[in-house]
Amino acid sequence: MTQEISGIDGLVRKRIRALRVAQGWSLEELAARARISPSSLSRIETGRRRLALDQLVDLARALDTSLDQLVQTDTYDVVSSPMIDGAHGTLRWSVKADPGLTVMRQRLTDPPPDNPARMRAHPGREWFVVLSGTAILLLADRRLRVETNQAAEFPTMLPHALGAEGGPCEILGIFDRDAHRGHRTYADT
């Protein structure tokens, strides 16, 4: 008798199969790792066998995940729109999976400041990739050229400033909570 595969039950079964396939494992390989028979695993994946908690625990462990992740039901919006900050020329997205992270797209037109006193430092980490053009990153006493498709990552406690070289530059940056707060505070002054 086949059970109706829907809702969380169907989602868990699809996850088990998808995780197994992503590892490149056959039914036999995952079954051996989870200490269940291949036929039982097949029936679990296809909905012909009831999901049992003890088997889910063993399957989660064998798939190198947690039971919580295997049965997670959080469904959130997949597509999000940015917050627009016209005053600072940025688009900003919050990362739903980690509310402490912010993704920001920014178009830089000016070179970095000549005055070292204009460099800022604050707690946090920053990562950015150059989408187009060339960025200049002033980092402590270093001047780094970051070209299209190159990325930079650094602790923001180092004095830093960012600008464009030879024309406009577009970057996509990821800031942790402290770095985003530091940049927002700096931009507002």
N, C-alpha and C. Protein backbone atom coordinates (compact mmCIF):
# COMPACT_ATOMS: atom_id res chain seq x y z
N MET A 1 0.84 -1.18 0.00
CA MET A 1 0.00 0.00 0.00
C MET A 1 0.89 1.24 0.00
N THR A 2 0.67 2.15 -0.93
CA THR A 2 1.46 3.36 -1.03
C THR A 2 0.79 4.48 -0.25
N GLN A 3 1.58 5.16 0.60
CA GLN A 3 1.06 6.29 1.34
C GLN A 3 1.04 7.50 0.43
N GLU A 4 0.10 8.41 0.70
CA GLU A 4 0.09 9.66 -0.04
C GLU A 4 1.30 10.48 0.39
N ILE A 5 2.11 10.87 -0.60
CA ILE A 5 3.32 11.63 -0.29
C ILE A 5 3.01 13.10 -0.49
N SER A 6 2.84 13.80 0.62
CA SER A 6 2.55 15.22 0.53
C SER A 6 3.06 15.90 1.78
N GLY A 7 3.07 17.21 1.78
CA GLY A 7 3.46 17.97 2.95
C GLY A 7 4.86 17.65 3.41
N ILE A 8 5.04 17.67 4.72
CA ILE A 8 6.36 17.45 5.31
C ILE A 8 6.85 16.03 5.04
N ASP A 9 5.93 15.07 5.03
CA ASP A 9 6.30 13.68 4.75
C ASP A 9 6.97 13.58 3.39
N GLY A 10 6.35 14.14 2.38
CA GLY A 10 6.91 14.10 1.03
C GLY A 10 8.21 14.88 0.93
N LEU A 11 8.28 16.01 1.62
CA LEU A 11 9.48 16.82 1.61
C LEU A 11 10.67 16.07 2.21
N VAL A 12 10.45 15.38 3.33
CA VAL A 12 11.51 14.63 3.98
C VAL A 12 12.00 13.51 3.05
N ARG A 13 11.09 12.83 2.41
CA ARG A 13 11.46 11.75 1.49
C ARG A 13 12.29 12.30 0.32
N LYS A 14 11.86 13.43 -0.22
CA LYS A 14 12.61 14.05 -1.33
C LYS A 14 13.99 14.49 -0.86
N ARG A 15 14.08 15.02 0.36
CA ARG A 15 15.39 15.44 0.89
C ARG A 15 16.33 14.25 1.03
N ILE A 16 15.81 13.15 1.57
CA ILE A 16 16.66 11.96 1.75
C ILE A 16 17.22 11.53 0.40
N ARG A 17 16.35 11.43 -0.59
CA ARG A 17 16.80 11.02 -1.92
C ARG A 17 17.78 12.04 -2.51
N ALA A 18 17.46 13.33 -2.42
CA ALA A 18 18.32 14.37 -3.00
C ALA A 18 19.69 14.39 -2.33
N LEU A 19 19.73 14.22 -1.00
CA LEU A 19 21.01 14.19 -0.30
C LEU A 19 21.82 12.96 -0.68
N ARG A 20 21.15 11.84 -0.83
CA ARG A 20 21.83 10.61 -1.25
C ARG A 20 22.43 10.77 -2.65
N VAL A 21 21.63 11.28 -3.58
CA VAL A 21 22.08 11.46 -4.96
C VAL A 21 23.22 12.48 -5.01
N ALA A 22 23.12 13.56 -4.23
CA ALA A 22 24.17 14.59 -4.20
C ALA A 22 25.51 14.00 -3.75
N GLN A 23 25.46 13.01 -2.87
CA GLN A 23 26.69 12.34 -2.42
C GLN A 23 27.20 11.33 -3.44
N GLY A 24 26.36 11.02 -4.43
CA GLY A 24 26.75 10.02 -5.42
C GLY A 24 26.60 8.60 -4.91
N TRP A 25 25.75 8.42 -3.90
CA TRP A 25 25.58 7.11 -3.28
C TRP A 25 24.41 6.36 -3.89
N SER A 26 24.57 5.06 -3.99
CA SER A 26 23.47 4.18 -4.39
C SER A 26 22.58 3.95 -3.17
N LEU A 27 21.43 3.34 -3.41
CA LEU A 27 20.56 2.95 -2.29
C LEU A 27 21.33 2.05 -1.33
N GLU A 28 22.12 1.14 -1.88
CA GLU A 28 22.85 0.18 -1.05
C GLU A 28 23.88 0.90 -0.16
N GLU A 29 24.56 1.90 -0.73
CA GLU A 29 25.58 2.61 0.06
C GLU A 29 24.96 3.37 1.23
N LEU A 30 23.89 4.11 0.97
CA LEU A 30 23.25 4.85 2.07
C LEU A 30 22.63 3.88 3.07
N ALA A 31 22.01 2.82 2.58
CA ALA A 31 21.40 1.84 3.48
C ALA A 31 22.44 1.26 4.42
N ALA A 32 23.60 0.94 3.91
CA ALA A 32 24.67 0.37 4.75
C ALA A 32 25.11 1.40 5.80
N ARG A 33 25.27 2.65 5.38
CA ARG A 33 25.68 3.70 6.32
C ARG A 33 24.63 3.94 7.41
N ALA A 34 23.35 3.80 7.05
CA ALA A 34 22.26 4.04 8.01
C ALA A 34 21.84 2.77 8.74
N ARG A 35 22.47 1.65 8.42
CA ARG A 35 22.18 0.37 9.04
C ARG A 35 20.72 -0.05 8.86
N ILE A 36 20.22 0.13 7.62
CA ILE A 36 18.89 -0.38 7.26
C ILE A 36 19.03 -1.12 5.93
N SER A 37 18.03 -1.87 5.55
CA SER A 37 18.13 -2.63 4.31
C SER A 37 17.88 -1.71 3.11
N PRO A 38 18.48 -2.04 1.96
CA PRO A 38 18.24 -1.24 0.77
C PRO A 38 16.77 -1.20 0.38
N SER A 39 16.06 -2.30 0.57
CA SER A 39 14.63 -2.32 0.22
C SER A 39 13.83 -1.39 1.15
N SER A 40 14.21 -1.34 2.43
CA SER A 40 13.54 -0.40 3.35
C SER A 40 13.79 1.04 2.93
N LEU A 41 15.04 1.35 2.57
CA LEU A 41 15.37 2.70 2.13
C LEU A 41 14.59 3.05 0.86
N SER A 42 14.52 2.14 -0.07
CA SER A 42 13.76 2.38 -1.30
C SER A 42 12.30 2.68 -0.98
N ARG A 43 11.72 1.90 -0.07
CA ARG A 43 10.31 2.11 0.29
C ARG A 43 10.13 3.44 1.04
N ILE A 44 11.13 3.84 1.82
CA ILE A 44 11.06 5.15 2.51
C ILE A 44 11.06 6.26 1.46
N GLU A 45 12.00 6.19 0.51
CA GLU A 45 12.10 7.24 -0.50
C GLU A 45 10.86 7.32 -1.38
N THR A 46 10.23 6.20 -1.66
CA THR A 46 9.08 6.19 -2.58
C THR A 46 7.73 6.31 -1.88
N GLY A 47 7.72 6.31 -0.56
CA GLY A 47 6.47 6.48 0.17
C GLY A 47 5.72 5.19 0.42
N ARG A 48 6.36 4.08 0.21
CA ARG A 48 5.70 2.80 0.46
C ARG A 48 5.96 2.28 1.86
N ARG A 49 6.67 3.06 2.66
CA ARG A 49 6.93 2.68 4.04
C ARG A 49 6.77 3.92 4.91
N ARG A 50 6.18 3.72 6.07
CA ARG A 50 5.99 4.81 7.01
C ARG A 50 7.33 5.30 7.52
N LEU A 51 7.46 6.62 7.70
CA LEU A 51 8.68 7.18 8.26
C LEU A 51 8.72 6.90 9.76
N ALA A 52 9.80 6.32 10.22
CA ALA A 52 9.97 6.02 11.65
C ALA A 52 11.07 6.91 12.19
N LEU A 53 10.85 7.45 13.38
CA LEU A 53 11.80 8.39 13.98
C LEU A 53 13.19 7.79 14.11
N ASP A 54 13.30 6.56 14.56
CA ASP A 54 14.63 5.97 14.74
C ASP A 54 15.36 5.85 13.41
N GLN A 55 14.64 5.53 12.33
CA GLN A 55 15.29 5.46 11.03
C GLN A 55 15.67 6.84 10.52
N LEU A 56 14.86 7.85 10.80
CA LEU A 56 15.20 9.22 10.40
C LEU A 56 16.47 9.69 11.09
N VAL A 57 16.61 9.35 12.36
CA VAL A 57 17.82 9.73 13.10
C VAL A 57 19.04 9.07 12.45
N ASP A 58 18.94 7.77 12.14
CA ASP A 58 20.05 7.07 11.50
C ASP A 58 20.34 7.61 10.10
N LEU A 59 19.29 7.94 9.35
CA LEU A 59 19.48 8.48 8.00
C LEU A 59 20.12 9.87 8.06
N ALA A 60 19.66 10.70 8.99
CA ALA A 60 20.25 12.03 9.13
C ALA A 60 21.74 11.92 9.44
N ARG A 61 22.08 11.07 10.37
CA ARG A 61 23.49 10.88 10.74
C ARG A 61 24.30 10.38 9.54
N ALA A 62 23.76 9.40 8.82
CA ALA A 62 24.46 8.85 7.65
C ALA A 62 24.62 9.88 6.54
N LEU A 63 23.67 10.81 6.44
CA LEU A 63 23.72 11.86 5.41
C LEU A 63 24.49 13.09 5.88
N ASP A 64 25.08 13.01 7.08
CA ASP A 64 25.86 14.11 7.64
C ASP A 64 25.05 15.39 7.78
N THR A 65 23.85 15.22 8.32
CA THR A 65 22.99 16.36 8.62
C THR A 65 22.34 16.09 9.96
N SER A 66 21.54 17.02 10.41
CA SER A 66 20.83 16.82 11.69
C SER A 66 19.38 16.43 11.41
N LEU A 67 18.76 15.85 12.39
CA LEU A 67 17.35 15.52 12.27
C LEU A 67 16.53 16.80 12.05
N ASP A 68 16.91 17.88 12.75
CA ASP A 68 16.21 19.16 12.58
C ASP A 68 16.24 19.63 11.14
N GLN A 69 17.43 19.53 10.51
CA GLN A 69 17.53 19.97 9.12
C GLN A 69 16.77 19.04 8.18
N LEU A 70 16.76 17.77 8.50
CA LEU A 70 16.07 16.82 7.64
C LEU A 70 14.56 17.04 7.64
N VAL A 71 14.00 17.43 8.78
CA VAL A 71 12.54 17.60 8.87
C VAL A 71 12.12 19.07 8.92
N GLN A 72 13.02 19.98 8.65
CA GLN A 72 12.73 21.42 8.72
C GLN A 72 11.55 21.77 7.83
N THR A 73 10.63 22.56 8.37
CA THR A 73 9.44 22.95 7.62
C THR A 73 9.40 24.43 7.29
N ASP A 74 10.42 25.18 7.70
CA ASP A 74 10.40 26.61 7.41
C ASP A 74 10.32 26.83 5.91
N THR A 75 9.30 27.54 5.53
CA THR A 75 9.21 27.96 4.13
C THR A 75 9.14 29.47 4.16
N TYR A 76 10.11 30.08 3.55
CA TYR A 76 10.15 31.54 3.51
C TYR A 76 10.22 31.95 2.04
N ASP A 77 9.97 33.21 1.83
CA ASP A 77 10.02 33.72 0.47
C ASP A 77 11.40 33.48 -0.12
N VAL A 78 11.44 32.94 -1.28
CA VAL A 78 12.70 32.64 -1.94
C VAL A 78 13.23 33.89 -2.63
N VAL A 79 12.35 34.67 -3.22
CA VAL A 79 12.74 35.87 -3.94
C VAL A 79 12.50 37.07 -3.04
N SER A 80 13.48 37.96 -2.97
CA SER A 80 13.31 39.17 -2.16
C SER A 80 13.72 40.38 -2.97
N SER A 81 13.17 41.50 -2.62
CA SER A 81 13.50 42.77 -3.28
C SER A 81 14.42 43.56 -2.37
N PRO A 82 15.28 44.37 -2.96
CA PRO A 82 16.22 45.13 -2.13
C PRO A 82 15.59 46.35 -1.50
N MET A 83 16.22 46.81 -0.46
CA MET A 83 15.92 48.12 0.10
C MET A 83 16.81 49.08 -0.67
N ILE A 84 16.25 50.19 -1.10
CA ILE A 84 17.01 51.14 -1.91
C ILE A 84 17.42 52.31 -1.04
N ASP A 85 18.73 52.60 -1.06
CA ASP A 85 19.27 53.74 -0.33
C ASP A 85 19.87 54.69 -1.37
N GLY A 86 19.02 55.56 -1.91
CA GLY A 86 19.45 56.49 -2.94
C GLY A 86 20.50 57.48 -2.47
N ALA A 87 20.46 57.85 -1.19
CA ALA A 87 21.41 58.83 -0.66
C ALA A 87 22.85 58.31 -0.71
N HIS A 88 23.01 56.98 -0.54
CA HIS A 88 24.36 56.40 -0.52
C HIS A 88 24.63 55.54 -1.74
N GLY A 89 23.69 55.51 -2.69
CA GLY A 89 23.90 54.76 -3.93
C GLY A 89 23.99 53.27 -3.74
N THR A 90 23.18 52.69 -2.85
CA THR A 90 23.27 51.25 -2.61
C THR A 90 21.91 50.59 -2.70
N LEU A 91 21.95 49.32 -3.05
CA LEU A 91 20.80 48.43 -2.90
C LEU A 91 21.21 47.44 -1.83
N ARG A 92 20.31 47.10 -0.92
CA ARG A 92 20.68 46.24 0.20
C ARG A 92 19.64 45.13 0.36
N TRP A 93 20.13 43.89 0.50
CA TRP A 93 19.28 42.74 0.75
C TRP A 93 19.69 42.12 2.08
N SER A 94 18.73 41.73 2.88
CA SER A 94 19.03 40.96 4.09
C SER A 94 19.07 39.49 3.70
N VAL A 95 19.98 38.74 4.31
CA VAL A 95 20.09 37.31 4.03
C VAL A 95 19.18 36.60 5.03
N LYS A 96 18.14 35.96 4.54
CA LYS A 96 17.14 35.35 5.41
C LYS A 96 17.70 34.19 6.22
N ALA A 97 18.61 33.43 5.62
CA ALA A 97 19.17 32.27 6.31
C ALA A 97 20.03 32.70 7.49
N ASP A 98 20.60 33.88 7.43
CA ASP A 98 21.43 34.41 8.51
C ASP A 98 21.13 35.89 8.65
N PRO A 99 20.18 36.24 9.53
CA PRO A 99 19.76 37.64 9.64
C PRO A 99 20.89 38.60 10.00
N GLY A 100 22.05 38.09 10.38
CA GLY A 100 23.18 38.95 10.69
C GLY A 100 23.94 39.40 9.45
N LEU A 101 23.64 38.81 8.29
CA LEU A 101 24.36 39.16 7.08
C LEU A 101 23.52 40.09 6.20
N THR A 102 24.20 41.01 5.55
CA THR A 102 23.56 41.91 4.59
C THR A 102 24.35 41.85 3.30
N VAL A 103 23.65 41.79 2.19
CA VAL A 103 24.27 41.86 0.88
C VAL A 103 23.97 43.23 0.32
N MET A 104 25.00 43.89 -0.21
CA MET A 104 24.82 45.24 -0.71
C MET A 104 25.45 45.38 -2.09
N ARG A 105 24.70 45.98 -3.00
CA ARG A 105 25.22 46.29 -4.33
C ARG A 105 25.45 47.79 -4.38
N GLN A 106 26.64 48.18 -4.85
CA GLN A 106 26.98 49.59 -4.83
C GLN A 106 27.75 49.97 -6.09
N ARG A 107 27.45 51.12 -6.61
CA ARG A 107 28.19 51.67 -7.76
C ARG A 107 29.11 52.74 -7.22
N LEU A 108 30.41 52.55 -7.44
CA LEU A 108 31.41 53.51 -6.98
C LEU A 108 31.85 54.34 -8.19
N THR A 109 31.93 55.64 -8.00
CA THR A 109 32.36 56.51 -9.09
C THR A 109 33.60 57.32 -8.71
N ASP A 110 33.81 57.54 -7.44
CA ASP A 110 34.94 58.34 -6.98
C ASP A 110 36.11 57.45 -6.58
N PRO A 111 37.33 57.98 -6.73
CA PRO A 111 38.49 57.22 -6.23
C PRO A 111 38.46 57.19 -4.70
N PRO A 112 39.24 56.31 -4.09
CA PRO A 112 39.27 56.28 -2.62
C PRO A 112 39.85 57.60 -2.11
N PRO A 113 39.55 57.97 -0.88
CA PRO A 113 40.03 59.25 -0.34
C PRO A 113 41.56 59.30 -0.27
N ASP A 114 42.10 60.49 -0.55
CA ASP A 114 43.55 60.69 -0.43
C ASP A 114 43.97 60.83 1.02
N ASN A 115 43.07 61.28 1.85
CA ASN A 115 43.36 61.57 3.25
C ASN A 115 43.17 60.30 4.10
N PRO A 116 44.25 59.77 4.70
CA PRO A 116 44.12 58.56 5.54
C PRO A 116 43.14 58.75 6.70
N ALA A 117 42.88 59.97 7.10
CA ALA A 117 41.94 60.22 8.19
C ALA A 117 40.51 59.86 7.78
N ARG A 118 40.25 59.73 6.48
CA ARG A 118 38.90 59.37 6.00
C ARG A 118 38.69 57.86 5.96
N MET A 119 39.74 57.10 6.25
CA MET A 119 39.58 55.65 6.31
C MET A 119 38.84 55.30 7.59
N ARG A 120 38.04 54.26 7.56
CA ARG A 120 37.25 53.89 8.74
C ARG A 120 37.66 52.51 9.24
N ALA A 121 37.42 52.29 10.50
CA ALA A 121 37.65 50.98 11.12
C ALA A 121 36.49 50.74 12.08
N HIS A 122 36.05 49.53 12.17
CA HIS A 122 34.94 49.16 13.05
C HIS A 122 34.92 47.64 13.18
N PRO A 123 34.25 47.10 14.16
CA PRO A 123 34.19 45.64 14.29
C PRO A 123 33.51 45.01 13.08
N GLY A 124 33.86 43.78 12.79
CA GLY A 124 33.17 43.03 11.75
C GLY A 124 34.09 42.49 10.67
N ARG A 125 33.47 41.89 9.67
CA ARG A 125 34.17 41.36 8.49
C ARG A 125 33.40 41.82 7.26
N GLU A 126 34.12 41.95 6.17
CA GLU A 126 33.52 42.37 4.91
C GLU A 126 34.08 41.51 3.79
N TRP A 127 33.23 41.21 2.83
CA TRP A 127 33.62 40.50 1.62
C TRP A 127 32.94 41.21 0.47
N PHE A 128 33.64 41.42 -0.64
CA PHE A 128 32.99 41.99 -1.82
C PHE A 128 33.61 41.40 -3.07
N VAL A 129 32.80 41.40 -4.14
CA VAL A 129 33.27 40.99 -5.46
C VAL A 129 33.01 42.16 -6.40
N VAL A 130 33.93 42.38 -7.32
CA VAL A 130 33.78 43.45 -8.30
C VAL A 130 33.01 42.89 -9.49
N LEU A 131 31.85 43.48 -9.76
CA LEU A 131 31.00 43.04 -10.86
C LEU A 131 31.45 43.66 -12.19
N SER A 132 31.90 44.92 -12.13
CA SER A 132 32.40 45.59 -13.33
C SER A 132 33.35 46.70 -12.91
N GLY A 133 34.31 46.99 -13.78
CA GLY A 133 35.27 48.04 -13.48
C GLY A 133 36.39 47.55 -12.58
N THR A 134 37.08 48.51 -11.97
CA THR A 134 38.19 48.21 -11.07
C THR A 134 38.00 48.99 -9.78
N ALA A 135 38.09 48.29 -8.66
CA ALA A 135 37.98 48.93 -7.35
C ALA A 135 39.38 49.06 -6.76
N ILE A 136 39.55 50.09 -5.97
CA ILE A 136 40.78 50.27 -5.20
C ILE A 136 40.40 50.15 -3.73
N LEU A 137 41.03 49.21 -3.06
CA LEU A 137 40.81 49.00 -1.63
C LEU A 137 42.04 49.50 -0.89
N LEU A 138 41.83 50.50 -0.06
CA LEU A 138 42.88 50.95 0.85
C LEU A 138 42.67 50.18 2.14
N LEU A 139 43.67 49.42 2.54
CA LEU A 139 43.56 48.56 3.70
C LEU A 139 44.80 48.76 4.56
N ALA A 140 44.62 49.49 5.67
CA ALA A 140 45.73 49.89 6.52
C ALA A 140 46.72 50.67 5.66
N ASP A 141 47.93 50.17 5.47
CA ASP A 141 48.92 50.90 4.67
C ASP A 141 49.07 50.30 3.27
N ARG A 142 48.13 49.45 2.85
CA ARG A 142 48.20 48.81 1.53
C ARG A 142 47.18 49.42 0.58
N ARG A 143 47.53 49.44 -0.69
CA ARG A 143 46.63 49.88 -1.76
C ARG A 143 46.47 48.68 -2.70
N LEU A 144 45.26 48.11 -2.73
CA LEU A 144 45.01 46.89 -3.49
C LEU A 144 44.06 47.17 -4.65
N ARG A 145 44.43 46.67 -5.82
CA ARG A 145 43.57 46.76 -7.01
C ARG A 145 42.73 45.50 -7.08
N VAL A 146 41.42 45.65 -7.15
CA VAL A 146 40.53 44.50 -7.24
C VAL A 146 39.74 44.66 -8.54
N GLU A 147 39.98 43.77 -9.48
CA GLU A 147 39.40 43.91 -10.81
C GLU A 147 38.14 43.06 -10.96
N THR A 148 37.45 43.24 -12.07
CA THR A 148 36.21 42.51 -12.35
C THR A 148 36.41 41.02 -12.10
N ASN A 149 35.46 40.45 -11.38
CA ASN A 149 35.42 39.03 -11.00
C ASN A 149 36.41 38.65 -9.92
N GLN A 150 37.15 39.60 -9.38
CA GLN A 150 37.99 39.31 -8.23
C GLN A 150 37.23 39.72 -6.97
N ALA A 151 37.59 39.10 -5.86
CA ALA A 151 36.92 39.38 -4.59
C ALA A 151 37.97 39.70 -3.53
N ALA A 152 37.52 40.36 -2.49
CA ALA A 152 38.39 40.68 -1.35
C ALA A 152 37.60 40.41 -0.07
N GLU A 153 38.31 39.94 0.95
CA GLU A 153 37.70 39.70 2.26
C GLU A 153 38.69 40.16 3.31
N PHE A 154 38.18 40.88 4.31
CA PHE A 154 39.08 41.43 5.32
C PHE A 154 38.33 41.75 6.59
N PRO A 155 39.04 41.78 7.73
CA PRO A 155 38.42 42.21 8.98
C PRO A 155 38.33 43.74 8.95
N THR A 156 37.18 44.26 9.31
CA THR A 156 36.96 45.71 9.20
C THR A 156 37.57 46.50 10.36
N MET A 157 38.26 45.82 11.26
CA MET A 157 39.02 46.56 12.28
C MET A 157 40.26 47.19 11.67
N LEU A 158 40.67 46.72 10.48
CA LEU A 158 41.75 47.39 9.76
C LEU A 158 41.18 48.65 9.13
N PRO A 159 41.85 49.79 9.28
CA PRO A 159 41.36 51.00 8.61
C PRO A 159 41.23 50.72 7.11
N HIS A 160 40.10 51.12 6.51
CA HIS A 160 39.86 50.80 5.12
C HIS A 160 39.02 51.87 4.43
N ALA A 161 39.16 51.91 3.13
CA ALA A 161 38.35 52.78 2.27
C ALA A 161 38.30 52.12 0.90
N LEU A 162 37.26 52.43 0.15
CA LEU A 162 37.05 51.80 -1.13
C LEU A 162 36.65 52.85 -2.15
N GLY A 163 37.16 52.72 -3.35
CA GLY A 163 36.80 53.65 -4.42
C GLY A 163 36.99 52.99 -5.77
N ALA A 164 36.74 53.76 -6.83
CA ALA A 164 36.85 53.26 -8.19
C ALA A 164 38.12 53.77 -8.83
N GLU A 165 38.60 53.04 -9.82
CA GLU A 165 39.77 53.48 -10.58
C GLU A 165 39.40 53.51 -12.06
N GLY A 166 39.64 54.63 -12.70
CA GLY A 166 39.45 54.73 -14.14
C GLY A 166 38.02 54.67 -14.60
N GLY A 167 37.09 55.08 -13.80
CA GLY A 167 35.69 55.07 -14.19
C GLY A 167 34.84 54.33 -13.18
N PRO A 168 33.55 54.26 -13.43
CA PRO A 168 32.65 53.62 -12.47
C PRO A 168 33.01 52.16 -12.23
N CYS A 169 32.66 51.71 -11.05
CA CYS A 169 32.92 50.34 -10.61
C CYS A 169 31.68 49.88 -9.85
N GLU A 170 31.28 48.66 -10.09
CA GLU A 170 30.12 48.12 -9.39
C GLU A 170 30.57 46.92 -8.56
N ILE A 171 30.18 46.92 -7.28
CA ILE A 171 30.56 45.83 -6.39
C ILE A 171 29.33 45.21 -5.74
N LEU A 172 29.47 43.98 -5.31
CA LEU A 172 28.46 43.29 -4.51
C LEU A 172 29.18 42.85 -3.25
N GLY A 173 28.74 43.37 -2.10
CA GLY A 173 29.42 43.09 -0.85
C GLY A 173 28.55 42.34 0.13
N ILE A 174 29.19 41.57 1.00
CA ILE A 174 28.51 40.88 2.09
C ILE A 174 29.13 41.38 3.38
N PHE A 175 28.29 41.85 4.28
CA PHE A 175 28.73 42.41 5.55
C PHE A 175 28.12 41.61 6.68
N ASP A 176 28.90 41.31 7.71
CA ASP A 176 28.27 40.74 8.89
C ASP A 176 27.58 41.88 9.64
N ARG A 177 26.87 41.55 10.70
CA ARG A 177 26.06 42.54 11.43
C ARG A 177 26.90 43.74 11.89
N ASP A 178 28.08 43.48 12.46
CA ASP A 178 28.92 44.57 12.96
C ASP A 178 29.44 45.44 11.84
N ALA A 179 29.86 44.83 10.74
CA ALA A 179 30.39 45.61 9.61
C ALA A 179 29.29 46.46 8.99
N HIS A 180 28.09 45.89 8.84
CA HIS A 180 26.99 46.67 8.28
C HIS A 180 26.65 47.85 9.17
N ARG A 181 26.61 47.60 10.48
CA ARG A 181 26.33 48.68 11.43
C ARG A 181 27.41 49.76 11.34
N GLY A 182 28.67 49.36 11.23
CA GLY A 182 29.77 50.31 11.12
C GLY A 182 29.68 51.14 9.86
N HIS A 183 29.33 50.51 8.75
CA HIS A 183 29.22 51.27 7.50
C HIS A 183 28.02 52.20 7.53
N ARG A 184 26.93 51.75 8.11
CA ARG A 184 25.73 52.59 8.19
C ARG A 184 26.02 53.81 9.05
N THR A 185 26.69 53.60 10.19
CA THR A 185 27.02 54.70 11.09
C THR A 185 27.95 55.68 10.39
N TYR A 186 28.94 55.16 9.68
CA TYR A 186 29.90 56.03 8.99
C TYR A 186 29.20 56.85 7.90
N ALA A 187 28.32 56.17 7.14
CA ALA A 187 27.63 56.84 6.03
C ALA A 187 26.69 57.92 6.51
N ASP A 188 26.14 57.75 7.70
CA ASP A 188 25.17 58.72 8.22
C ASP A 188 25.83 59.97 8.80
N THR A 189 27.15 59.93 8.99
CA THR A 189 27.80 61.10 9.59
C THR A 189 28.21 62.11 8.56
